[in-house]
Amino acid sequence: MGLPVTRRRLMSGMLCASVMSGLAGACSAQPASRTPDPQEGAVRAVVEAYLHGLKFNDVPSLRSAFWPDAKLLFVNKNGSLGQLSQEDWYKMFAGSAGKEEEGDLRIASVDITDNAASVKVIETYPKSVYVDYLNLLRLNGKWIIVNKIYTSRAR
């Protein structure tokens, strides 16, 4: 003789709720903590030199972080591809050399695979926000920024 229909439904419902709760827990579980890449400190050091260069209009710091032929790419106001050479970009800092810029510059994420890395930087200034995506390569044991794409918007 089986359980009354109401009790069977209740037990079935409890089982279903238990299974669903377990599945929900599995779906919302935090990802396993990743093992820090031993190269992350070296990548961050290069990006920190870049950020120091931006913050203090320090061209030597910028030069130390970038491959001489690195590309700086962005989207022009008309929607076309814009590009700055390293030398043209450095000239933009000449008039303010050593002057500290107002703003918060930070590394938002670092992703490293073997000898390649991608770093997202967020620069929040009083009147604008820039988001940079920096691509780095490890050449002869040294990390260097080989490409930068960025976007900006008014605050």
N, C-alpha and C. Protein backbone atom coordinates (compact mmCIF):
# COMPACT_ATOMS: atom_id res chain seq x y z
N MET A 1 0.85 -1.17 0.00
CA MET A 1 0.00 0.00 0.00
C MET A 1 0.89 1.23 0.00
N GLY A 2 0.63 2.15 -0.90
CA GLY A 2 1.47 3.34 -1.07
C GLY A 2 1.08 4.45 -0.13
N LEU A 3 1.84 5.47 -0.18
CA LEU A 3 1.57 6.67 0.61
C LEU A 3 0.37 7.39 0.03
N PRO A 4 -0.36 8.12 0.89
CA PRO A 4 -1.46 8.93 0.36
C PRO A 4 -0.91 9.92 -0.67
N VAL A 5 -1.75 10.29 -1.63
CA VAL A 5 -1.35 11.17 -2.72
C VAL A 5 -0.74 12.46 -2.20
N THR A 6 -1.33 13.08 -1.18
CA THR A 6 -0.83 14.35 -0.66
C THR A 6 0.57 14.19 -0.09
N ARG A 7 0.82 13.09 0.63
CA ARG A 7 2.12 12.89 1.24
C ARG A 7 3.16 12.61 0.15
N ARG A 8 2.78 11.85 -0.89
CA ARG A 8 3.69 11.59 -1.99
C ARG A 8 4.07 12.89 -2.69
N ARG A 9 3.08 13.75 -2.91
CA ARG A 9 3.36 15.04 -3.56
C ARG A 9 4.28 15.89 -2.69
N LEU A 10 4.04 15.87 -1.39
CA LEU A 10 4.85 16.65 -0.47
C LEU A 10 6.30 16.15 -0.51
N MET A 11 6.50 14.83 -0.43
CA MET A 11 7.84 14.27 -0.44
C MET A 11 8.51 14.50 -1.79
N SER A 12 7.73 14.35 -2.86
CA SER A 12 8.26 14.59 -4.19
C SER A 12 8.68 16.05 -4.32
N GLY A 13 7.86 16.94 -3.82
CA GLY A 13 8.17 18.38 -3.86
C GLY A 13 9.42 18.70 -3.05
N MET A 14 9.57 18.05 -1.88
CA MET A 14 10.75 18.29 -1.05
C MET A 14 12.01 17.79 -1.75
N LEU A 15 11.90 16.61 -2.40
CA LEU A 15 13.04 16.07 -3.13
C LEU A 15 13.42 17.00 -4.28
N CYS A 16 12.41 17.46 -4.99
CA CYS A 16 12.65 18.36 -6.12
C CYS A 16 13.30 19.65 -5.62
N ALA A 17 12.79 20.20 -4.51
CA ALA A 17 13.36 21.43 -3.96
C ALA A 17 14.80 21.22 -3.53
N SER A 18 15.07 20.05 -2.96
CA SER A 18 16.43 19.75 -2.52
C SER A 18 17.39 19.67 -3.72
N VAL A 19 16.93 18.98 -4.77
CA VAL A 19 17.75 18.86 -5.97
C VAL A 19 17.96 20.24 -6.59
N MET A 20 16.90 21.03 -6.70
CA MET A 20 17.01 22.36 -7.29
C MET A 20 17.93 23.25 -6.47
N SER A 21 17.84 23.13 -5.15
CA SER A 21 18.71 23.92 -4.29
C SER A 21 20.17 23.55 -4.52
N GLY A 22 20.42 22.27 -4.62
CA GLY A 22 21.79 21.80 -4.89
C GLY A 22 22.29 22.29 -6.23
N LEU A 23 21.42 22.24 -7.25
CA LEU A 23 21.82 22.73 -8.57
C LEU A 23 22.06 24.22 -8.55
N ALA A 24 21.21 24.95 -7.86
CA ALA A 24 21.38 26.41 -7.78
C ALA A 24 22.69 26.73 -7.08
N GLY A 25 23.00 25.98 -6.04
CA GLY A 25 24.25 26.20 -5.34
C GLY A 25 25.44 25.94 -6.24
N ALA A 26 25.33 24.88 -7.04
CA ALA A 26 26.43 24.55 -7.95
C ALA A 26 26.59 25.62 -9.01
N CYS A 27 25.47 26.17 -9.47
CA CYS A 27 25.53 27.20 -10.52
C CYS A 27 26.06 28.52 -9.98
N SER A 28 25.79 28.81 -8.71
CA SER A 28 26.23 30.09 -8.17
C SER A 28 27.53 29.98 -7.40
N ALA A 29 28.12 28.80 -7.39
CA ALA A 29 29.37 28.62 -6.66
C ALA A 29 30.46 29.50 -7.26
N GLN A 30 31.33 29.97 -6.41
CA GLN A 30 32.45 30.79 -6.86
C GLN A 30 33.42 29.91 -7.66
N PRO A 31 34.03 30.47 -8.69
CA PRO A 31 35.01 29.68 -9.43
C PRO A 31 36.17 29.31 -8.53
N ALA A 32 36.79 28.20 -8.83
CA ALA A 32 37.94 27.76 -8.04
C ALA A 32 39.00 28.86 -8.09
N SER A 33 39.64 29.09 -6.98
CA SER A 33 40.65 30.15 -6.96
C SER A 33 41.78 29.76 -7.90
N ARG A 34 42.22 30.74 -8.67
CA ARG A 34 43.25 30.46 -9.65
C ARG A 34 44.62 30.58 -8.99
N THR A 35 45.53 29.85 -9.48
CA THR A 35 46.90 29.93 -9.01
C THR A 35 47.53 31.16 -9.64
N PRO A 36 48.08 32.05 -8.84
CA PRO A 36 48.68 33.25 -9.41
C PRO A 36 49.81 32.88 -10.37
N ASP A 37 49.87 33.58 -11.48
CA ASP A 37 50.93 33.35 -12.45
C ASP A 37 52.20 34.00 -11.90
N PRO A 38 53.29 33.27 -11.87
CA PRO A 38 54.53 33.86 -11.33
C PRO A 38 55.01 35.07 -12.13
N GLN A 39 54.51 35.24 -13.36
CA GLN A 39 54.91 36.37 -14.20
C GLN A 39 54.06 37.62 -13.94
N GLU A 40 53.00 37.47 -13.14
CA GLU A 40 52.08 38.61 -12.96
C GLU A 40 52.78 39.84 -12.38
N GLY A 41 53.66 39.64 -11.42
CA GLY A 41 54.38 40.77 -10.83
C GLY A 41 55.20 41.52 -11.86
N ALA A 42 55.84 40.78 -12.77
CA ALA A 42 56.66 41.42 -13.81
C ALA A 42 55.78 42.19 -14.80
N VAL A 43 54.62 41.62 -15.15
CA VAL A 43 53.69 42.30 -16.05
C VAL A 43 53.18 43.58 -15.38
N ARG A 44 52.78 43.46 -14.13
CA ARG A 44 52.27 44.63 -13.40
C ARG A 44 53.34 45.72 -13.29
N ALA A 45 54.58 45.34 -13.12
CA ALA A 45 55.66 46.34 -13.00
C ALA A 45 55.77 47.17 -14.27
N VAL A 46 55.65 46.54 -15.43
CA VAL A 46 55.70 47.27 -16.70
C VAL A 46 54.51 48.21 -16.80
N VAL A 47 53.33 47.71 -16.44
CA VAL A 47 52.13 48.54 -16.53
C VAL A 47 52.19 49.68 -15.51
N GLU A 48 52.77 49.43 -14.35
CA GLU A 48 52.93 50.50 -13.36
C GLU A 48 53.87 51.60 -13.88
N ALA A 49 54.90 51.22 -14.62
CA ALA A 49 55.78 52.23 -15.25
C ALA A 49 54.97 53.08 -16.23
N TYR A 50 54.10 52.42 -16.99
CA TYR A 50 53.20 53.12 -17.92
C TYR A 50 52.29 54.08 -17.16
N LEU A 51 51.68 53.60 -16.08
CA LEU A 51 50.77 54.45 -15.30
C LEU A 51 51.52 55.63 -14.67
N HIS A 52 52.73 55.38 -14.21
CA HIS A 52 53.55 56.47 -13.66
C HIS A 52 53.82 57.51 -14.74
N GLY A 53 54.13 57.04 -15.94
CA GLY A 53 54.35 57.96 -17.05
C GLY A 53 53.15 58.83 -17.34
N LEU A 54 51.95 58.23 -17.30
CA LEU A 54 50.72 58.99 -17.52
C LEU A 54 50.47 59.98 -16.40
N LYS A 55 50.61 59.50 -15.17
CA LYS A 55 50.29 60.31 -13.99
C LYS A 55 51.21 61.53 -13.88
N PHE A 56 52.50 61.36 -14.24
CA PHE A 56 53.47 62.44 -14.05
C PHE A 56 54.03 62.98 -15.36
N ASN A 57 53.35 62.69 -16.48
CA ASN A 57 53.81 63.17 -17.78
C ASN A 57 55.31 62.89 -17.95
N ASP A 58 55.66 61.65 -17.67
CA ASP A 58 57.05 61.20 -17.63
C ASP A 58 57.33 60.31 -18.85
N VAL A 59 57.85 60.92 -19.90
CA VAL A 59 58.12 60.19 -21.15
C VAL A 59 59.13 59.06 -20.96
N PRO A 60 60.22 59.24 -20.19
CA PRO A 60 61.13 58.10 -20.00
C PRO A 60 60.44 56.86 -19.40
N SER A 61 59.51 57.07 -18.48
CA SER A 61 58.75 55.92 -17.94
C SER A 61 57.90 55.27 -19.01
N LEU A 62 57.28 56.10 -19.85
CA LEU A 62 56.47 55.54 -20.94
C LEU A 62 57.35 54.76 -21.91
N ARG A 63 58.48 55.34 -22.28
CA ARG A 63 59.40 54.67 -23.20
C ARG A 63 59.86 53.32 -22.65
N SER A 64 60.08 53.26 -21.32
CA SER A 64 60.56 52.01 -20.72
C SER A 64 59.50 50.91 -20.77
N ALA A 65 58.23 51.29 -20.88
CA ALA A 65 57.14 50.32 -20.87
C ALA A 65 56.77 49.82 -22.27
N PHE A 66 57.06 50.63 -23.30
CA PHE A 66 56.58 50.33 -24.65
C PHE A 66 57.68 49.87 -25.60
N TRP A 67 57.33 48.93 -26.44
CA TRP A 67 58.15 48.56 -27.58
C TRP A 67 58.21 49.80 -28.47
N PRO A 68 59.35 50.16 -29.05
CA PRO A 68 59.44 51.40 -29.83
C PRO A 68 58.44 51.50 -30.98
N ASP A 69 58.05 50.38 -31.56
CA ASP A 69 57.09 50.40 -32.67
C ASP A 69 55.67 50.04 -32.25
N ALA A 70 55.39 50.12 -30.95
CA ALA A 70 54.04 49.79 -30.46
C ALA A 70 53.01 50.70 -31.12
N LYS A 71 51.85 50.15 -31.36
CA LYS A 71 50.75 50.91 -31.96
C LYS A 71 49.79 51.38 -30.86
N LEU A 72 49.28 52.59 -31.03
CA LEU A 72 48.25 53.13 -30.15
C LEU A 72 47.04 53.39 -31.04
N LEU A 73 46.01 52.59 -30.86
CA LEU A 73 44.84 52.65 -31.74
C LEU A 73 43.59 53.04 -30.97
N PHE A 74 42.69 53.74 -31.66
CA PHE A 74 41.44 54.21 -31.06
C PHE A 74 40.45 54.46 -32.19
N VAL A 75 39.21 54.76 -31.83
CA VAL A 75 38.18 55.08 -32.82
C VAL A 75 38.00 56.60 -32.83
N ASN A 76 38.17 57.21 -34.01
CA ASN A 76 37.96 58.65 -34.17
C ASN A 76 36.48 58.99 -33.98
N LYS A 77 36.22 60.27 -33.77
CA LYS A 77 34.83 60.73 -33.61
C LYS A 77 33.97 60.40 -34.82
N ASN A 78 34.58 60.32 -36.01
CA ASN A 78 33.81 60.00 -37.22
C ASN A 78 33.65 58.50 -37.43
N GLY A 79 34.18 57.70 -36.47
CA GLY A 79 34.04 56.25 -36.55
C GLY A 79 35.17 55.53 -37.25
N SER A 80 36.14 56.26 -37.77
CA SER A 80 37.27 55.63 -38.45
C SER A 80 38.35 55.25 -37.44
N LEU A 81 39.28 54.44 -37.90
CA LEU A 81 40.39 54.01 -37.05
C LEU A 81 41.40 55.14 -36.90
N GLY A 82 41.74 55.45 -35.65
CA GLY A 82 42.77 56.44 -35.38
C GLY A 82 44.02 55.74 -34.88
N GLN A 83 45.16 56.33 -35.16
CA GLN A 83 46.42 55.74 -34.73
C GLN A 83 47.41 56.83 -34.40
N LEU A 84 48.14 56.63 -33.31
CA LEU A 84 49.23 57.53 -32.94
C LEU A 84 50.53 56.75 -32.97
N SER A 85 51.58 57.37 -33.48
CA SER A 85 52.90 56.77 -33.36
C SER A 85 53.40 57.04 -31.94
N GLN A 86 54.40 56.30 -31.53
CA GLN A 86 54.98 56.54 -30.21
C GLN A 86 55.49 57.98 -30.10
N GLU A 87 56.22 58.43 -31.10
CA GLU A 87 56.82 59.77 -31.03
C GLU A 87 55.76 60.86 -30.98
N ASP A 88 54.68 60.74 -31.77
CA ASP A 88 53.61 61.73 -31.73
C ASP A 88 52.92 61.73 -30.36
N TRP A 89 52.76 60.55 -29.80
CA TRP A 89 52.12 60.44 -28.49
C TRP A 89 53.00 61.07 -27.43
N TYR A 90 54.30 60.79 -27.46
CA TYR A 90 55.21 61.36 -26.47
C TYR A 90 55.24 62.88 -26.54
N LYS A 91 55.12 63.44 -27.73
CA LYS A 91 55.11 64.90 -27.88
C LYS A 91 53.96 65.53 -27.11
N MET A 92 52.88 64.80 -26.94
CA MET A 92 51.71 65.33 -26.22
C MET A 92 52.01 65.56 -24.74
N PHE A 93 53.04 64.93 -24.22
CA PHE A 93 53.39 65.06 -22.80
C PHE A 93 54.44 66.14 -22.57
N ALA A 94 55.10 66.60 -23.62
CA ALA A 94 56.25 67.50 -23.49
C ALA A 94 55.93 68.76 -22.69
N GLY A 95 54.83 69.42 -22.96
CA GLY A 95 54.49 70.67 -22.29
C GLY A 95 54.15 70.52 -20.82
N SER A 96 53.86 69.30 -20.38
CA SER A 96 53.47 69.07 -18.99
C SER A 96 54.45 68.16 -18.25
N ALA A 97 55.64 67.99 -18.79
CA ALA A 97 56.61 67.06 -18.19
C ALA A 97 56.76 67.29 -16.69
N GLY A 98 56.61 66.22 -15.92
CA GLY A 98 56.77 66.28 -14.47
C GLY A 98 55.52 66.71 -13.72
N LYS A 99 54.55 67.29 -14.40
CA LYS A 99 53.33 67.74 -13.74
C LYS A 99 52.43 66.55 -13.41
N GLU A 100 51.98 66.48 -12.16
CA GLU A 100 51.10 65.39 -11.75
C GLU A 100 49.67 65.66 -12.21
N GLU A 101 49.10 64.67 -12.86
CA GLU A 101 47.71 64.75 -13.32
C GLU A 101 46.77 64.34 -12.20
N GLU A 102 45.62 65.02 -12.13
CA GLU A 102 44.57 64.59 -11.21
C GLU A 102 43.94 63.35 -11.79
N GLY A 103 43.61 62.40 -10.95
CA GLY A 103 42.92 61.22 -11.45
C GLY A 103 43.37 59.95 -10.76
N ASP A 104 42.55 58.94 -10.97
CA ASP A 104 42.80 57.62 -10.41
C ASP A 104 43.11 56.68 -11.56
N LEU A 105 44.29 56.11 -11.56
CA LEU A 105 44.71 55.19 -12.62
C LEU A 105 44.93 53.84 -11.97
N ARG A 106 44.28 52.80 -12.51
CA ARG A 106 44.41 51.49 -11.88
C ARG A 106 44.37 50.36 -12.89
N ILE A 107 44.98 49.27 -12.50
CA ILE A 107 44.92 48.04 -13.27
C ILE A 107 43.63 47.32 -12.88
N ALA A 108 42.78 47.07 -13.87
CA ALA A 108 41.50 46.40 -13.60
C ALA A 108 41.61 44.89 -13.74
N SER A 109 42.44 44.42 -14.67
CA SER A 109 42.60 42.97 -14.84
C SER A 109 43.90 42.66 -15.56
N VAL A 110 44.39 41.46 -15.27
CA VAL A 110 45.62 40.96 -15.90
C VAL A 110 45.34 39.53 -16.34
N ASP A 111 45.64 39.22 -17.59
CA ASP A 111 45.46 37.87 -18.12
C ASP A 111 46.76 37.47 -18.82
N ILE A 112 47.36 36.38 -18.36
CA ILE A 112 48.65 35.94 -18.89
C ILE A 112 48.54 34.51 -19.39
N THR A 113 49.06 34.28 -20.58
CA THR A 113 49.20 32.93 -21.12
C THR A 113 50.59 32.83 -21.72
N ASP A 114 51.41 31.99 -21.10
CA ASP A 114 52.77 31.77 -21.56
C ASP A 114 53.52 33.10 -21.69
N ASN A 115 53.86 33.51 -22.92
CA ASN A 115 54.64 34.73 -23.11
C ASN A 115 53.82 35.90 -23.64
N ALA A 116 52.49 35.82 -23.47
CA ALA A 116 51.58 36.89 -23.90
C ALA A 116 50.70 37.30 -22.72
N ALA A 117 50.40 38.59 -22.66
CA ALA A 117 49.55 39.10 -21.59
C ALA A 117 48.65 40.20 -22.12
N SER A 118 47.51 40.34 -21.48
CA SER A 118 46.57 41.42 -21.77
C SER A 118 46.20 42.07 -20.45
N VAL A 119 46.26 43.39 -20.41
CA VAL A 119 45.98 44.12 -19.18
C VAL A 119 44.96 45.21 -19.49
N LYS A 120 43.93 45.28 -18.66
CA LYS A 120 42.93 46.35 -18.77
C LYS A 120 43.24 47.40 -17.71
N VAL A 121 43.31 48.64 -18.15
CA VAL A 121 43.61 49.77 -17.27
C VAL A 121 42.45 50.75 -17.34
N ILE A 122 42.05 51.28 -16.20
CA ILE A 122 41.00 52.31 -16.16
C ILE A 122 41.61 53.58 -15.57
N GLU A 123 41.47 54.66 -16.32
CA GLU A 123 41.98 55.96 -15.91
C GLU A 123 40.78 56.89 -15.73
N THR A 124 40.54 57.29 -14.50
CA THR A 124 39.41 58.17 -14.21
C THR A 124 39.95 59.55 -13.86
N TYR A 125 39.73 60.50 -14.76
CA TYR A 125 40.17 61.87 -14.59
C TYR A 125 38.95 62.73 -14.25
N PRO A 126 39.16 63.97 -13.79
CA PRO A 126 38.00 64.81 -13.43
C PRO A 126 36.97 64.97 -14.55
N LYS A 127 37.43 65.07 -15.81
CA LYS A 127 36.49 65.33 -16.90
C LYS A 127 36.32 64.17 -17.88
N SER A 128 37.08 63.09 -17.70
CA SER A 128 36.99 61.98 -18.66
C SER A 128 37.41 60.66 -18.02
N VAL A 129 37.02 59.58 -18.69
CA VAL A 129 37.43 58.24 -18.30
C VAL A 129 38.02 57.57 -19.54
N TYR A 130 39.19 57.00 -19.37
CA TYR A 130 39.84 56.23 -20.44
C TYR A 130 39.90 54.77 -20.00
N VAL A 131 39.68 53.89 -20.94
CA VAL A 131 39.88 52.46 -20.71
C VAL A 131 40.88 52.00 -21.76
N ASP A 132 41.99 51.47 -21.27
CA ASP A 132 43.07 50.99 -22.14
C ASP A 132 43.11 49.47 -22.08
N TYR A 133 43.38 48.87 -23.21
CA TYR A 133 43.66 47.44 -23.29
C TYR A 133 45.09 47.34 -23.82
N LEU A 134 45.97 46.86 -22.98
CA LEU A 134 47.38 46.77 -23.31
C LEU A 134 47.74 45.32 -23.61
N ASN A 135 48.44 45.10 -24.71
CA ASN A 135 48.95 43.77 -25.05
C ASN A 135 50.45 43.78 -24.82
N LEU A 136 50.90 42.80 -24.08
CA LEU A 136 52.32 42.68 -23.76
C LEU A 136 52.85 41.33 -24.24
N LEU A 137 54.11 41.31 -24.59
CA LEU A 137 54.82 40.07 -24.92
C LEU A 137 56.08 40.01 -24.07
N ARG A 138 56.49 38.79 -23.75
CA ARG A 138 57.74 38.60 -23.03
C ARG A 138 58.80 38.25 -24.07
N LEU A 139 59.68 39.20 -24.31
CA LEU A 139 60.74 39.05 -25.30
C LEU A 139 62.08 38.96 -24.57
N ASN A 140 62.81 37.89 -24.82
CA ASN A 140 64.10 37.68 -24.15
C ASN A 140 63.98 37.84 -22.64
N GLY A 141 62.88 37.33 -22.08
CA GLY A 141 62.69 37.34 -20.63
C GLY A 141 62.14 38.64 -20.07
N LYS A 142 61.88 39.64 -20.92
CA LYS A 142 61.40 40.95 -20.44
C LYS A 142 60.03 41.25 -21.05
N TRP A 143 59.09 41.66 -20.20
CA TRP A 143 57.76 42.04 -20.67
C TRP A 143 57.80 43.45 -21.24
N ILE A 144 57.04 43.66 -22.32
CA ILE A 144 57.00 44.98 -22.97
C ILE A 144 55.62 45.16 -23.61
N ILE A 145 55.08 46.37 -23.55
CA ILE A 145 53.79 46.66 -24.19
C ILE A 145 54.04 46.80 -25.69
N VAL A 146 53.35 45.99 -26.47
CA VAL A 146 53.54 46.02 -27.92
C VAL A 146 52.36 46.63 -28.66
N ASN A 147 51.26 46.85 -27.93
CA ASN A 147 50.05 47.38 -28.57
C ASN A 147 49.15 47.96 -27.50
N LYS A 148 48.49 49.05 -27.84
CA LYS A 148 47.51 49.65 -26.94
C LYS A 148 46.30 50.07 -27.76
N ILE A 149 45.12 49.62 -27.32
CA ILE A 149 43.89 50.18 -27.87
C ILE A 149 43.17 50.85 -26.71
N TYR A 150 42.45 51.91 -27.01
CA TYR A 150 41.77 52.60 -25.92
C TYR A 150 40.50 53.28 -26.41
N THR A 151 39.69 53.60 -25.42
CA THR A 151 38.48 54.36 -25.66
C THR A 151 38.36 55.39 -24.54
N SER A 152 37.62 56.44 -24.79
CA SER A 152 37.43 57.46 -23.75
C SER A 152 36.03 58.05 -23.87
N ARG A 153 35.60 58.62 -22.76
CA ARG A 153 34.29 59.29 -22.74
C ARG A 153 34.35 60.39 -21.68
N ALA A 154 33.48 61.36 -21.87
CA ALA A 154 33.40 62.47 -20.90
C ALA A 154 32.73 61.96 -19.63
N ARG A 155 33.08 62.58 -18.54
CA ARG A 155 32.44 62.24 -17.24
C ARG A 155 31.30 63.17 -16.97
